[in-house]
Amino acid sequence: MSPMARCKHCDKGGLFQKVDKEGLCKNCAPTVAPDIEKHSNVIYEAMGVYERGQDFDEKLAAIDQLLESARHLQQYEAKGIDTCNPPPTPVVSEYDGFRADLLKEREG
């Protein structure tokens, strides 16, 4: 007998619980999937703005926006739900470093 399905987001499970390929129930999937997509797109766009940015304020705003979305996605990552590629935790770590470097450059 296979184990009962359990939603990765709301943690509801049971004999009649069904989940999609992402492990989400019919109640969570319509809100979680678009939220992940929205924040993933913010991350990808902000990465591009940061890479192309010439101006300190523009680069800092892009990093801050990226970090906010990546930290938001970490709640899903912690539950084992696929989010973006690369995953949010390494993105936060890397861009926290970029932010610190950018601020050091500004001071020096």
C-alpha atoms as a PDB file:
ATOM      1  CA  MET A   1       0.000   0.000   0.000  1.00  0.00           C
ATOM      2  CA  SER A   2       1.395   3.399  -0.941  1.00  0.00           C
ATOM      3  CA  PRO A   3       1.687   6.145   1.668  1.00  0.00           C
ATOM      4  CA  MET A   4      -1.140   8.656   1.900  1.00  0.00           C
ATOM      5  CA  ALA A   5      -0.708  11.880  -0.013  1.00  0.00           C
ATOM      6  CA  ARG A   6       0.123  14.960   2.038  1.00  0.00           C
ATOM      7  CA  CYS A   7       0.229  18.547   0.775  1.00  0.00           C
ATOM      8  CA  LYS A   8       3.697  20.053   1.127  1.00  0.00           C
ATOM      9  CA  HIS A   9       2.260  23.503   1.829  1.00  0.00           C
ATOM     10  CA  CYS A  10      -0.701  23.064   4.203  1.00  0.00           C
ATOM     11  CA  ASP A  11       0.384  19.612   5.427  1.00  0.00           C
ATOM     12  CA  LYS A  12      -3.134  18.205   5.076  1.00  0.00           C
ATOM     13  CA  GLY A  13      -3.194  14.542   4.266  1.00  0.00           C
ATOM     14  CA  GLY A  14      -5.453  11.566   4.356  1.00  0.00           C
ATOM     15  CA  LEU A  15      -6.801   8.627   2.506  1.00  0.00           C
ATOM     16  CA  PHE A  16      -8.610  10.746  -0.083  1.00  0.00           C
ATOM     17  CA  GLN A  17      -6.108  13.608  -0.311  1.00  0.00           C
ATOM     18  CA  LYS A  18      -4.745  14.193  -3.793  1.00  0.00           C
ATOM     19  CA  VAL A  19      -1.706  16.305  -4.655  1.00  0.00           C
ATOM     20  CA  ASP A  20      -0.280  17.507  -7.965  1.00  0.00           C
ATOM     21  CA  LYS A  21       3.221  16.794  -9.273  1.00  0.00           C
ATOM     22  CA  GLU A  22       4.564  19.595  -7.074  1.00  0.00           C
ATOM     23  CA  GLY A  23       3.038  17.977  -3.995  1.00  0.00           C
ATOM     24  CA  LEU A  24       0.300  20.584  -3.556  1.00  0.00           C
ATOM     25  CA  CYS A  25      -3.383  19.949  -2.858  1.00  0.00           C
ATOM     26  CA  LYS A  26      -6.169  21.478  -4.941  1.00  0.00           C
ATOM     27  CA  ASN A  27      -6.626  24.254  -2.364  1.00  0.00           C
ATOM     28  CA  CYS A  28      -2.966  25.322  -2.204  1.00  0.00           C
ATOM     29  CA  ALA A  29      -1.884  24.898  -5.832  1.00  0.00           C
ATOM     30  CA  PRO A  30      -3.903  27.863  -7.215  1.00  0.00           C
ATOM     31  CA  THR A  31      -2.211  30.302  -4.828  1.00  0.00           C
ATOM     32  CA  VAL A  32       1.226  28.782  -4.243  1.00  0.00           C
ATOM     33  CA  ALA A  33       2.223  28.161  -7.872  1.00  0.00           C
ATOM     34  CA  PRO A  34       1.475  31.735  -9.062  1.00  0.00           C
ATOM     35  CA  ASP A  35       3.194  33.175  -5.968  1.00  0.00           C
ATOM     36  CA  ILE A  36       6.325  31.168  -6.709  1.00  0.00           C
ATOM     37  CA  GLU A  37       6.226  32.222 -10.360  1.00  0.00           C
ATOM     38  CA  LYS A  38       5.776  35.898  -9.469  1.00  0.00           C
ATOM     39  CA  HIS A  39       8.672  35.959  -7.008  1.00  0.00           C
ATOM     40  CA  SER A  40      10.896  33.871  -9.305  1.00  0.00           C
ATOM     41  CA  ASN A  41      10.328  36.399 -12.087  1.00  0.00           C
ATOM     42  CA  VAL A  42      11.210  39.261  -9.736  1.00  0.00           C
ATOM     43  CA  ILE A  43      14.465  37.479  -8.883  1.00  0.00           C
ATOM     44  CA  TYR A  44      15.412  36.849 -12.522  1.00  0.00           C
ATOM     45  CA  GLU A  45      14.578  40.426 -13.562  1.00  0.00           C
ATOM     46  CA  ALA A  46      16.442  41.915 -10.594  1.00  0.00           C
ATOM     47  CA  MET A  47      19.502  39.769 -11.393  1.00  0.00           C
ATOM     48  CA  GLY A  48      19.562  41.312 -14.864  1.00  0.00           C
ATOM     49  CA  VAL A  49      19.116  44.855 -13.547  1.00  0.00           C
ATOM     50  CA  TYR A  50      21.922  44.297 -11.045  1.00  0.00           C
ATOM     51  CA  GLU A  51      24.261  42.860 -13.693  1.00  0.00           C
ATOM     52  CA  ARG A  52      23.596  45.694 -16.166  1.00  0.00           C
ATOM     53  CA  GLY A  53      23.260  48.446 -13.584  1.00  0.00           C
ATOM     54  CA  GLN A  54      25.675  51.352 -13.741  1.00  0.00           C
ATOM     55  CA  ASP A  55      24.354  53.347 -10.845  1.00  0.00           C
ATOM     56  CA  PHE A  56      24.736  52.510  -7.131  1.00  0.00           C
ATOM     57  CA  ASP A  57      21.089  53.227  -6.276  1.00  0.00           C
ATOM     58  CA  GLU A  58      19.819  51.135  -9.174  1.00  0.00           C
ATOM     59  CA  LYS A  59      22.019  48.173  -8.223  1.00  0.00           C
ATOM     60  CA  LEU A  60      21.156  48.421  -4.529  1.00  0.00           C
ATOM     61  CA  ALA A  61      17.408  48.598  -5.282  1.00  0.00           C
ATOM     62  CA  ALA A  62      17.698  45.530  -7.538  1.00  0.00           C
ATOM     63  CA  ILE A  63      19.529  43.565  -4.846  1.00  0.00           C
ATOM     64  CA  ASP A  64      17.021  44.569  -2.176  1.00  0.00           C
ATOM     65  CA  GLN A  65      14.101  43.571  -4.397  1.00  0.00           C
ATOM     66  CA  LEU A  66      15.794  40.276  -5.268  1.00  0.00           C
ATOM     67  CA  LEU A  67      16.544  39.489  -1.619  1.00  0.00           C
ATOM     68  CA  GLU A  68      12.978  40.230  -0.551  1.00  0.00           C
ATOM     69  CA  SER A  69      11.574  37.798  -3.131  1.00  0.00           C
ATOM     70  CA  ALA A  70      14.218  35.137  -2.469  1.00  0.00           C
ATOM     71  CA  ARG A  71      13.539  35.288   1.277  1.00  0.00           C
ATOM     72  CA  HIS A  72       9.824  34.974   0.534  1.00  0.00           C
ATOM     73  CA  LEU A  73      10.492  31.839  -1.535  1.00  0.00           C
ATOM     74  CA  GLN A  74      12.553  30.301   1.266  1.00  0.00           C
ATOM     75  CA  GLN A  75       9.291  29.497   3.091  1.00  0.00           C
ATOM     76  CA  TYR A  76       8.367  27.174   0.218  1.00  0.00           C
ATOM     77  CA  GLU A  77      11.882  25.788  -0.105  1.00  0.00           C
ATOM     78  CA  ALA A  78      11.790  24.858   3.610  1.00  0.00           C
ATOM     79  CA  LYS A  79       8.670  22.769   2.924  1.00  0.00           C
ATOM     80  CA  GLY A  80      10.328  20.919   0.049  1.00  0.00           C
ATOM     81  CA  ILE A  81       8.442  22.777  -2.681  1.00  0.00           C
ATOM     82  CA  ASP A  82      10.433  23.524  -5.841  1.00  0.00           C
ATOM     83  CA  THR A  83      10.804  27.252  -6.401  1.00  0.00           C
ATOM     84  CA  CYS A  84      13.394  28.832  -8.646  1.00  0.00           C
ATOM     85  CA  ASN A  85      16.686  27.746 -10.127  1.00  0.00           C
ATOM     86  CA  PRO A  86      19.066  28.422  -8.455  1.00  0.00           C
ATOM     87  CA  PRO A  87      17.170  27.822  -5.198  1.00  0.00           C
ATOM     88  CA  PRO A  88      16.437  30.810  -2.940  1.00  0.00           C
ATOM     89  CA  THR A  89      18.851  29.991  -0.101  1.00  0.00           C
ATOM     90  CA  PRO A  90      22.034  30.149  -2.212  1.00  0.00           C
ATOM     91  CA  VAL A  91      20.637  33.237  -3.980  1.00  0.00           C
ATOM     92  CA  VAL A  92      20.149  34.989  -0.629  1.00  0.00           C
ATOM     93  CA  SER A  93      23.650  34.023   0.477  1.00  0.00           C
ATOM     94  CA  GLU A  94      25.282  35.198  -2.745  1.00  0.00           C
ATOM     95  CA  TYR A  95      23.376  38.469  -3.064  1.00  0.00           C
ATOM     96  CA  ASP A  96      23.808  39.314   0.631  1.00  0.00           C
ATOM     97  CA  GLY A  97      27.518  39.195  -0.194  1.00  0.00           C
ATOM     98  CA  PHE A  98      27.062  41.331  -3.321  1.00  0.00           C
ATOM     99  CA  ARG A  99      25.091  43.850  -1.270  1.00  0.00           C
ATOM    100  CA  ALA A 100      27.809  44.048   1.382  1.00  0.00           C
ATOM    101  CA  ASP A 101      30.465  44.515  -1.319  1.00  0.00           C
ATOM    102  CA  LEU A 102      28.418  47.224  -3.003  1.00  0.00           C
ATOM    103  CA  LEU A 103      28.038  49.112   0.275  1.00  0.00           C
ATOM    104  CA  LYS A 104      31.791  48.774   0.971  1.00  0.00           C
ATOM    105  CA  GLU A 105      32.555  50.204  -2.474  1.00  0.00           C
ATOM    106  CA  ARG A 106      30.295  53.145  -1.743  1.00  0.00           C
ATOM    107  CA  GLU A 107      32.041  53.860   1.573  1.00  0.00           C
ATOM    108  CA  GLY A 108      35.538  53.466   0.167  1.00  0.00           C
END
